[in-house]
Protein backbone atom coordinates (compact mmCIF):
# COMPACT_ATOMS: atom_id res chain seq x y z
CA MET A 1 -0.96 23.54 -8.28
CA MET A 2 -0.98 23.63 -4.50
CA TYR A 3 -1.50 19.95 -3.22
CA GLY A 4 -2.40 18.96 0.34
CA TYR A 5 -1.49 15.54 1.79
CA ILE A 6 -3.14 14.04 4.75
CA GLY A 7 -1.66 10.71 6.30
CA LEU A 8 1.93 10.37 6.44
CA GLY A 9 2.67 6.92 7.46
CA ASN A 10 4.87 4.23 5.70
CA LEU A 11 3.42 4.87 2.27
CA GLY A 12 1.76 8.58 2.54
CA GLY A 13 5.13 9.95 3.86
CA LYS A 14 7.13 8.48 1.11
CA CYS A 15 4.82 9.56 -1.58
CA ALA A 16 4.55 13.06 -0.09
CA ALA A 17 8.36 13.40 -0.29
CA CYS A 18 8.29 12.73 -3.78
CA LEU A 19 5.94 15.66 -4.38
CA ALA A 20 8.06 17.94 -2.52
CA ARG A 21 11.29 16.94 -4.14
CA ALA A 22 9.65 17.43 -7.49
CA GLY A 23 8.74 21.11 -6.43
CA SER A 24 5.17 20.85 -6.01
CA GLY A 25 3.65 23.15 -3.86
CA LEU A 26 2.72 21.00 -0.81
CA MET A 27 1.09 21.34 2.42
CA VAL A 28 1.00 18.31 4.82
CA TYR A 29 -0.85 17.06 7.89
CA ASP A 30 -0.88 13.99 10.10
CA ARG A 31 -2.14 13.53 13.71
CA ASP A 32 1.30 12.52 14.63
CA GLN A 33 2.84 15.97 13.91
CA GLY A 34 6.28 14.12 14.36
CA LEU A 35 5.72 12.42 10.84
CA ALA A 36 5.59 15.87 9.15
CA GLU A 37 9.10 16.93 10.21
CA PRO A 38 10.89 15.28 7.07
CA LEU A 39 8.51 16.82 4.71
CA LEU A 40 8.94 20.31 6.30
CA ALA A 41 12.59 19.91 5.79
CA LEU A 42 11.86 19.31 2.03
CA GLY A 43 10.07 22.58 1.75
CA ALA A 44 6.56 21.53 2.63
CA VAL A 45 4.25 23.59 4.76
CA GLY A 46 2.58 22.16 7.95
CA ALA A 47 -1.05 22.51 8.66
CA ALA A 48 -2.73 22.63 12.22
CA SER A 49 -5.70 20.37 11.02
CA ALA A 50 -7.15 18.32 8.10
CA ALA A 51 -9.65 21.13 7.51
CA ALA A 52 -7.09 23.97 7.77
CA LEU A 53 -5.24 22.11 4.81
CA ALA A 54 -8.21 21.52 3.01
CA ALA A 55 -9.26 25.05 3.01
CA SER A 56 -5.52 26.46 1.91
CA VAL A 57 -4.95 24.14 -1.00
CA ASP A 58 -6.23 23.45 -4.52
CA HIS A 59 -6.41 19.59 -4.14
CA VAL A 60 -6.42 17.40 -1.33
CA VAL A 61 -4.65 13.74 -1.47
CA THR A 62 -5.20 11.22 1.42
CA CYS A 63 -3.44 7.98 2.35
CA LEU A 64 -5.20 6.45 5.46
CA PRO A 65 -5.42 3.28 7.03
CA SER A 66 -9.07 2.24 6.45
CA PRO A 67 -12.37 3.24 4.96
CA THR A 68 -13.70 4.37 8.33
CA VAL A 69 -10.63 6.89 8.70
CA SER A 70 -11.18 8.04 5.18
CA GLU A 71 -14.67 8.59 5.61
CA ALA A 72 -14.11 10.61 8.76
CA VAL A 73 -11.46 12.94 7.13
CA LEU A 74 -13.50 13.43 4.11
CA ARG A 75 -16.46 14.72 6.04
CA GLU A 76 -14.00 17.00 7.91
CA ILE A 77 -12.43 18.52 4.75
CA LEU A 78 -15.38 18.75 2.40
CA PRO A 79 -17.23 21.79 3.88
CA VAL A 80 -13.94 24.02 3.42
CA MET A 81 -12.62 22.39 0.06
CA LYS A 82 -12.10 24.85 -2.63
CA PRO A 83 -14.33 25.12 -5.75
CA GLY A 84 -12.98 22.62 -8.60
CA ALA A 85 -10.86 20.73 -6.20
CA THR A 86 -10.28 16.98 -6.31
CA TRP A 87 -10.00 14.45 -3.65
CA VAL A 88 -7.05 12.13 -4.57
CA GLU A 89 -7.58 9.00 -2.45
CA MET A 90 -4.66 6.74 -2.17
CA SER A 91 -5.63 4.35 0.65
CA THR A 92 -6.62 0.66 -0.23
CA LEU A 93 -10.53 0.78 -0.23
CA GLY A 94 -12.90 -1.65 -1.24
CA ARG A 95 -14.83 -1.03 -4.42
CA ASP A 96 -18.26 -0.18 -2.53
CA ASP A 97 -16.29 2.32 -0.07
CA VAL A 98 -14.81 3.92 -3.18
CA LEU A 99 -18.35 4.60 -4.76
CA ARG A 100 -19.89 5.49 -1.65
CA LEU A 101 -17.59 8.11 -0.57
CA ALA A 102 -17.31 9.41 -4.08
CA LYS A 103 -20.99 10.27 -4.02
CA ILE A 104 -20.60 12.03 -0.52
CA ALA A 105 -17.69 14.12 -2.34
CA SER A 106 -19.81 14.74 -5.35
CA ASP A 107 -22.97 15.93 -3.32
CA ALA A 108 -20.62 18.45 -1.74
CA GLY A 109 -19.31 19.51 -5.23
CA VAL A 110 -15.73 17.74 -5.19
CA ARG A 111 -14.83 15.05 -7.55
CA MET A 112 -12.79 12.01 -6.44
CA LEU A 113 -9.89 10.30 -8.16
CA GLU A 114 -8.86 6.85 -6.66
CA LEU A 115 -5.17 6.17 -6.62
CA PRO A 116 -4.03 3.05 -5.05
CA VAL A 117 -0.33 2.11 -5.59
CA THR A 118 1.62 -1.24 -5.61
CA GLY A 119 4.97 -2.15 -5.58
CA GLY A 120 6.15 -1.64 -1.73
CA VAL A 121 7.19 1.19 0.55
CA HIS A 122 10.83 1.03 -0.84
CA LEU A 123 9.83 1.80 -4.52
CA ALA A 124 7.49 4.53 -3.24
CA ALA A 125 10.75 5.99 -1.66
CA ARG A 126 12.37 6.24 -4.78
CA GLY A 127 9.49 7.48 -6.97
CA GLU A 128 9.00 4.14 -8.81
CA ILE A 129 5.89 2.86 -7.43
CA THR A 130 3.20 1.69 -9.63
CA MET A 131 0.19 4.07 -9.77
CA LEU A 132 -3.38 2.66 -10.67
CA PRO A 133 -5.71 5.90 -11.00
CA GLY A 134 -9.48 5.17 -11.57
CA GLY A 135 -12.14 7.82 -12.31
CA ASP A 136 -12.69 10.31 -15.09
CA ALA A 137 -9.94 10.84 -17.81
CA ASP A 138 -9.68 14.48 -17.48
CA LEU A 139 -8.97 14.08 -13.85
CA VAL A 140 -6.26 11.52 -14.46
CA GLU A 141 -4.68 13.99 -17.05
CA LEU A 142 -4.77 16.90 -14.64
CA HIS A 143 -3.01 14.97 -11.88
CA ARG A 144 -0.48 13.20 -14.20
CA PRO A 145 2.20 15.43 -13.30
CA ALA A 146 1.94 14.57 -9.63
CA MET A 147 1.56 10.91 -10.54
CA GLU A 148 4.52 11.07 -12.50
CA ALA A 149 6.52 12.61 -9.36
CA MET A 150 5.19 9.73 -7.19
CA GLY A 151 5.55 6.91 -9.56
CA ASN A 152 7.25 5.63 -12.87
CA ARG A 153 4.21 3.45 -14.17
CA ILE A 154 0.68 4.70 -14.52
CA PHE A 155 -2.22 2.56 -15.33
CA HIS A 156 -5.72 4.31 -15.87
CA MET A 157 -7.77 1.43 -14.87
CA GLY A 158 -11.24 2.85 -15.69
CA PRO A 159 -14.26 4.47 -13.77
CA LEU A 160 -14.23 4.94 -10.06
CA GLY A 161 -14.18 1.54 -8.43
CA SER A 162 -12.04 -0.32 -11.02
CA SER A 163 -8.85 0.52 -9.15
CA ALA A 164 -9.96 -1.04 -6.07
CA ILE A 165 -10.46 -4.28 -7.74
CA ILE A 166 -7.00 -4.49 -9.45
CA LYS A 167 -5.19 -3.38 -6.16
CA VAL A 168 -7.02 -5.99 -4.29
CA ILE A 169 -5.97 -8.59 -6.83
CA THR A 170 -2.19 -7.53 -6.83
CA ASN A 171 -2.03 -7.56 -3.08
CA MET A 172 -3.93 -10.96 -3.04
CA LEU A 173 -1.18 -12.35 -5.64
CA ALA A 174 1.66 -10.61 -3.26
CA PHE A 175 0.15 -12.58 -0.17
CA ILE A 176 -0.12 -15.80 -2.04
CA HIS A 177 3.32 -15.54 -3.27
CA LEU A 178 4.84 -14.68 0.10
CA LYS A 179 3.36 -18.02 1.47
CA ALA A 180 4.60 -19.84 -1.40
CA THR A 181 8.16 -18.49 -1.12
CA SER A 182 8.09 -19.12 2.63
CA GLU A 183 7.25 -22.76 1.95
CA ALA A 184 9.88 -23.02 -0.75
CA LEU A 185 12.56 -21.69 1.43
CA MET A 186 11.89 -24.03 4.13
CA LEU A 187 11.94 -26.84 1.61
CA ALA A 188 15.41 -25.85 0.68
CA LYS A 189 16.56 -25.42 4.31
CA ARG A 190 15.22 -28.57 5.37
CA GLY A 191 16.61 -30.27 2.31
CA GLY A 192 20.12 -29.25 3.50
CA LEU A 193 20.60 -26.79 0.77
CA ASP A 194 22.51 -23.26 1.24
CA LEU A 195 19.70 -20.76 1.72
CA LYS A 196 21.55 -17.91 -0.02
CA GLN A 197 22.32 -20.03 -2.75
CA SER A 198 18.80 -21.51 -3.00
CA TRP A 199 17.39 -17.77 -2.89
CA GLU A 200 19.58 -16.79 -6.00
CA ALA A 201 18.77 -19.98 -7.72
CA ILE A 202 14.94 -19.28 -7.42
CA ARG A 203 15.56 -15.70 -8.52
CA ALA A 204 16.86 -16.85 -11.68
CA SER A 205 14.43 -19.40 -12.22
CA SER A 206 10.70 -20.01 -13.84
CA GLY A 207 9.50 -20.00 -10.19
CA ASN A 208 10.81 -16.51 -9.41
CA SER A 209 8.37 -13.57 -8.39
CA PHE A 210 8.90 -10.02 -7.18
CA VAL A 211 7.71 -11.16 -3.68
CA HIS A 212 10.58 -13.72 -3.50
CA GLU A 213 13.09 -11.09 -4.68
CA THR A 214 11.82 -8.48 -2.01
CA GLU A 215 10.16 -10.05 1.10
CA GLY A 216 11.89 -13.29 0.84
CA ALA A 217 15.22 -11.33 1.36
CA LEU A 218 13.61 -9.73 4.35
CA ILE A 219 12.81 -13.40 5.80
CA LEU A 220 16.27 -14.51 5.23
CA ASN A 221 17.68 -11.42 7.11
CA GLY A 222 15.21 -12.10 9.97
CA SER A 223 13.79 -8.71 10.08
CA TYR A 224 10.67 -9.54 7.99
CA ASP A 225 10.30 -5.62 8.01
CA ILE A 226 8.40 -4.87 4.86
CA ALA A 227 6.26 -2.08 6.81
CA PHE A 228 3.10 -3.73 6.14
CA SER A 229 1.31 -5.61 8.86
CA VAL A 230 -0.83 -8.60 9.34
CA ASP A 231 -3.84 -6.78 9.88
CA LEU A 232 -3.60 -4.91 6.72
CA ALA A 233 -3.03 -8.04 4.75
CA LEU A 234 -6.11 -9.71 6.49
CA LYS A 235 -8.05 -6.54 5.23
CA ASP A 236 -6.98 -6.91 1.67
CA LEU A 237 -7.53 -10.69 1.63
CA GLY A 238 -11.11 -9.89 2.97
CA PHE A 239 -11.72 -7.38 0.21
CA ALA A 240 -10.47 -10.09 -2.49
CA LEU A 241 -12.66 -12.87 -1.01
CA GLY A 242 -15.57 -10.86 -1.00
CA PHE A 243 -15.04 -9.95 -4.69
CA GLY A 244 -14.75 -13.75 -5.23
CA ARG A 245 -18.14 -14.30 -3.78
CA GLU A 246 -19.53 -11.30 -5.94
CA PHE A 247 -17.93 -12.37 -9.25
CA GLY A 248 -18.51 -16.14 -8.75
CA VAL A 249 -14.89 -16.73 -8.87
CA PRO A 250 -13.55 -19.56 -6.46
CA LEU A 251 -10.59 -18.30 -4.75
CA ASP A 252 -8.92 -21.34 -3.24
CA LEU A 253 -5.30 -20.15 -2.60
CA ALA A 254 -6.40 -16.92 -1.28
CA ALA A 255 -8.61 -18.53 1.25
CA ALA A 256 -5.80 -20.86 2.52
CA THR A 257 -3.33 -17.67 2.52
CA GLU A 258 -6.16 -15.82 4.82
CA GLN A 259 -6.15 -18.61 7.08
CA THR A 260 -2.40 -18.67 7.35
CA TYR A 261 -2.61 -14.90 8.15
CA VAL A 262 -5.26 -15.55 11.02
CA ALA A 263 -2.92 -17.93 12.44
CA ALA A 264 -0.01 -15.35 12.27
CA LYS A 265 -2.16 -12.73 13.80
CA ALA A 266 -3.01 -15.16 16.67
CA ALA A 267 0.63 -16.12 17.11
CA TYR A 268 2.43 -12.43 16.69
CA GLY A 269 -0.25 -10.17 16.67
CA GLY A 270 -2.05 -8.00 14.08
CA ALA A 271 0.48 -5.20 13.95
CA ALA A 272 3.40 -7.78 13.36
CA GLN A 273 4.95 -7.62 9.83
CA SER A 274 3.17 -9.50 7.21
CA PRO A 275 6.33 -11.60 5.99
CA MET A 276 6.17 -13.04 9.41
CA ILE A 277 3.95 -15.77 8.01
CA ALA A 278 7.06 -17.50 7.18
CA LYS A 279 7.85 -17.76 10.89
CA LEU A 280 4.91 -19.82 11.53
CA LEU A 281 6.67 -22.32 9.56
CA GLU A 282 9.90 -21.52 11.45
CA ASP A 283 8.43 -21.95 14.70
CA LEU A 284 6.52 -25.08 13.92
CA LEU A 285 9.28 -27.00 12.68
CA GLY A 286 12.08 -25.29 14.96
CA THR A 287 14.08 -24.53 12.03
CA ASP A 288 14.93 -20.80 11.10
CA LEU A 289 15.67 -19.39 7.66
CA ARG A 290 18.56 -17.12 8.37
CA ALA A 291 21.07 -16.47 5.79
CA ASP A 292 23.93 -14.05 5.59
CA GLY A 293 24.03 -11.02 3.07
CA PHE A 294 20.56 -10.00 3.14
CA PRO A 295 19.14 -6.51 4.12
CA ALA A 296 16.89 -5.80 7.23
CA ARG A 297 14.80 -3.38 5.20
CA LEU A 298 14.55 -2.68 1.37
CA GLU A 299 16.17 0.35 -0.22
C-alpha cells in the first residue's frame, strides 16, 4: 500500500521516517518543504500539496497541531481521496473533534482511524513509540504493519473517540509527573544533596516515573528540550479537565498543574518547552537545577 503522510513536524517527521525505513511506499507533504528533505533522502516522494498527495496514495496519515488544522486539511484532501482510502489521524484531538471529523469523512466515503501515540519524540525516532488506535477492528488490522513500523506497542482502545480519551489521560499524567519531579529535584537541591545522585536514587525508588527518567534529565541539563511546547500542554490539560467535568471526576492535580502551565506561559511564552515549568521554581527561589552528565536531548 502507498501511504501519504501530511505533517512532518517533531513527531510526524519521525514517524514518517520509520515508515520510509520499513520500505513502505511513502509520499510526504508539509507546508514547510524543508521538513520533507530528510524523508526524500530515505526514498519517500515529495508532493506539491496535500491534495496532490491524497490523489496519489491509497491511504493518508496526518499529524497536525490542532483540530482546526486537521479539519482544514481533511476538507482539502477528501474530494480527491481514492475509493476505499482510510484517513489515519495521528494528531491529538478531543473526542468530540474525532467524532465530528469522522462524520465529515464518512459522508465523503472515507473511513477514519484515530491513531494518537505516546512516549515521546525520542521513542518515535527509534520506532518504539506506543500506538493507541481507535476505530473499526478491520481498519486496525489493515494498518497494523504500518503501525508496527512506527511503534513497538499497539493497544486498540475501542471505537472512534476511545483513543482520544486515553491519549489525554496519558498526557495529563505526564504533566502531573513533570510538576512532581520538578518539586522533588528542587527539594533535593535545597536540602544540600548532589543532584545527579538524587536523580539516580529517585530512579531506583518507588517514586520513579518515566517522566523523571526522561524529562527530569533534560531539566538537570538545562536544555528542557523535549520537543513539546507549553501551549500543547495547555491544550491537552484543557481536554482532560473537560473530560473531568463531563464524566463527573474531580481532577485536583490536573487543575493545579494547568495553573502551573498558565504561569509558565506568562513567564516564557507558549512556544517554550514544557519542562520549563521547573524553571518557574528555579527563578522563584534563585536556585538552578543543573548537574553534569545529562543530555540536552533524548536519543
